[in-house]
Amino acid sequence: MPQSHPYRIPLKTDAAWVAGIVAVLVAGAAQGTGGKPVDERCAKIERRIEWLTSRLRAGYRNKAGERWKEELRRLKLERRRRCR
């Protein structure tokens, strides 16, 4: 009987291990995106940031401006975490 290497995982276990790693990676990629691809979510965030920036440059009332600035801060933070 051939002696197996002490650090070698049997082939049957290798396939299960690879399948487990793939499942973890796929689940991690979709986490927090609502099932949408990351690129699509990032594009939506980018469009909203551009819209808010243009509104803030165009002028605003104080209440709306504070709300938009807060949303802009939140979106930029989300973009840094997910998209870059």
C-alpha atoms as a PDB file:
ATOM      1  CA  MET A   1       0.000   0.000   0.000  1.00  0.00           C
ATOM      2  CA  PRO A   2       1.537   3.348  -0.964  1.00  0.00           C
ATOM      3  CA  GLN A   3       2.252   5.653   1.892  1.00  0.00           C
ATOM      4  CA  SER A   4       0.505   9.039   1.602  1.00  0.00           C
ATOM      5  CA  HIS A   5       2.215  12.260   2.446  1.00  0.00           C
ATOM      6  CA  PRO A   6       1.404  13.322   6.025  1.00  0.00           C
ATOM      7  CA  TYR A   7       0.374  16.837   4.899  1.00  0.00           C
ATOM      8  CA  ARG A   8      -1.563  15.758   1.827  1.00  0.00           C
ATOM      9  CA  ILE A   9      -5.344  15.939   2.021  1.00  0.00           C
ATOM     10  CA  PRO A  10      -7.027  12.973   0.326  1.00  0.00           C
ATOM     11  CA  LEU A  11      -8.437  13.772  -3.130  1.00  0.00           C
ATOM     12  CA  LYS A  12     -12.040  13.185  -2.064  1.00  0.00           C
ATOM     13  CA  THR A  13     -11.650  15.872   0.627  1.00  0.00           C
ATOM     14  CA  ASP A  14      -9.923  18.243  -1.826  1.00  0.00           C
ATOM     15  CA  ALA A  15     -13.037  18.467  -4.001  1.00  0.00           C
ATOM     16  CA  ALA A  16     -15.259  19.188  -0.998  1.00  0.00           C
ATOM     17  CA  TRP A  17     -12.803  21.784   0.268  1.00  0.00           C
ATOM     18  CA  VAL A  18     -12.694  23.556  -3.097  1.00  0.00           C
ATOM     19  CA  ALA A  19     -16.499  23.520  -3.331  1.00  0.00           C
ATOM     20  CA  GLY A  20     -16.694  25.037   0.152  1.00  0.00           C
ATOM     21  CA  ILE A  21     -14.233  27.801  -0.722  1.00  0.00           C
ATOM     22  CA  VAL A  22     -16.139  28.622  -3.903  1.00  0.00           C
ATOM     23  CA  ALA A  23     -19.418  28.810  -1.946  1.00  0.00           C
ATOM     24  CA  VAL A  24     -17.862  31.182   0.595  1.00  0.00           C
ATOM     25  CA  LEU A  25     -16.447  33.423  -2.130  1.00  0.00           C
ATOM     26  CA  VAL A  26     -19.735  33.577  -4.037  1.00  0.00           C
ATOM     27  CA  ALA A  27     -21.693  34.347  -0.866  1.00  0.00           C
ATOM     28  CA  GLY A  28     -19.190  37.040   0.123  1.00  0.00           C
ATOM     29  CA  ALA A  29     -19.354  38.707  -3.281  1.00  0.00           C
ATOM     30  CA  ALA A  30     -23.129  39.097  -3.101  1.00  0.00           C
ATOM     31  CA  GLN A  31     -23.267  40.043   0.582  1.00  0.00           C
ATOM     32  CA  GLY A  32     -24.740  43.471   1.157  1.00  0.00           C
ATOM     33  CA  THR A  33     -25.632  44.069  -2.474  1.00  0.00           C
ATOM     34  CA  GLY A  34     -29.186  42.759  -2.390  1.00  0.00           C
ATOM     35  CA  GLY A  35     -28.255  40.160  -5.000  1.00  0.00           C
ATOM     36  CA  LYS A  36     -27.141  42.821  -7.506  1.00  0.00           C
ATOM     37  CA  PRO A  37     -23.692  42.635  -9.038  1.00  0.00           C
ATOM     38  CA  VAL A  38     -21.210  44.906  -7.298  1.00  0.00           C
ATOM     39  CA  ASP A  39     -20.517  46.908 -10.481  1.00  0.00           C
ATOM     40  CA  GLU A  40     -24.207  47.749 -10.902  1.00  0.00           C
ATOM     41  CA  ARG A  41     -24.498  48.854  -7.266  1.00  0.00           C
ATOM     42  CA  CYS A  42     -21.352  50.989  -7.573  1.00  0.00           C
ATOM     43  CA  ALA A  43     -22.653  52.620 -10.747  1.00  0.00           C
ATOM     44  CA  LYS A  44     -25.891  53.520  -8.972  1.00  0.00           C
ATOM     45  CA  ILE A  45     -23.958  55.027  -6.048  1.00  0.00           C
ATOM     46  CA  GLU A  46     -21.782  57.009  -8.465  1.00  0.00           C
ATOM     47  CA  ARG A  47     -24.817  58.408 -10.317  1.00  0.00           C
ATOM     48  CA  ARG A  48     -26.433  59.470  -7.062  1.00  0.00           C
ATOM     49  CA  ILE A  49     -23.209  61.160  -5.891  1.00  0.00           C
ATOM     50  CA  GLU A  50     -23.009  63.080  -9.178  1.00  0.00           C
ATOM     51  CA  TRP A  51     -26.649  64.160  -8.883  1.00  0.00           C
ATOM     52  CA  LEU A  52     -26.230  65.335  -5.275  1.00  0.00           C
ATOM     53  CA  THR A  53     -23.033  67.208  -6.121  1.00  0.00           C
ATOM     54  CA  SER A  54     -24.730  69.053  -8.972  1.00  0.00           C
ATOM     55  CA  ARG A  55     -27.706  69.955  -6.749  1.00  0.00           C
ATOM     56  CA  LEU A  56     -25.414  71.301  -4.057  1.00  0.00           C
ATOM     57  CA  ARG A  57     -23.535  73.441  -6.616  1.00  0.00           C
ATOM     58  CA  ALA A  58     -26.797  74.800  -8.036  1.00  0.00           C
ATOM     59  CA  GLY A  59     -27.971  76.185  -4.699  1.00  0.00           C
ATOM     60  CA  TYR A  60     -30.407  74.934  -2.106  1.00  0.00           C
ATOM     61  CA  ARG A  61     -32.383  75.782   0.985  1.00  0.00           C
ATOM     62  CA  ASN A  62     -30.713  75.062   4.288  1.00  0.00           C
ATOM     63  CA  LYS A  63     -32.876  72.077   5.296  1.00  0.00           C
ATOM     64  CA  ALA A  64     -32.562  70.311   1.937  1.00  0.00           C
ATOM     65  CA  GLY A  65     -28.855  71.105   1.729  1.00  0.00           C
ATOM     66  CA  GLU A  66     -28.112  69.533   5.102  1.00  0.00           C
ATOM     67  CA  ARG A  67     -30.060  66.417   4.121  1.00  0.00           C
ATOM     68  CA  TRP A  68     -28.193  66.182   0.793  1.00  0.00           C
ATOM     69  CA  LYS A  69     -24.797  66.719   2.429  1.00  0.00           C
ATOM     70  CA  GLU A  70     -25.491  63.920   4.901  1.00  0.00           C
ATOM     71  CA  GLU A  71     -26.570  61.572   2.089  1.00  0.00           C
ATOM     72  CA  LEU A  72     -23.467  62.522   0.109  1.00  0.00           C
ATOM     73  CA  ARG A  73     -21.220  61.669   3.087  1.00  0.00           C
ATOM     74  CA  ARG A  74     -22.983  58.314   3.523  1.00  0.00           C
ATOM     75  CA  LEU A  75     -22.724  57.446  -0.190  1.00  0.00           C
ATOM     76  CA  LYS A  76     -19.039  58.351  -0.371  1.00  0.00           C
ATOM     77  CA  LEU A  77     -18.346  56.131   2.630  1.00  0.00           C
ATOM     78  CA  GLU A  78     -20.283  53.263   1.026  1.00  0.00           C
ATOM     79  CA  ARG A  79     -18.390  53.774  -2.257  1.00  0.00           C
ATOM     80  CA  ARG A  80     -15.057  53.601  -0.409  1.00  0.00           C
ATOM     81  CA  ARG A  81     -16.071  50.379   1.329  1.00  0.00           C
ATOM     82  CA  ARG A  82     -17.597  48.530  -1.633  1.00  0.00           C
ATOM     83  CA  CYS A  83     -16.319  49.924  -4.886  1.00  0.00           C
ATOM     84  CA  ARG A  84     -12.647  50.817  -4.680  1.00  0.00           C
END
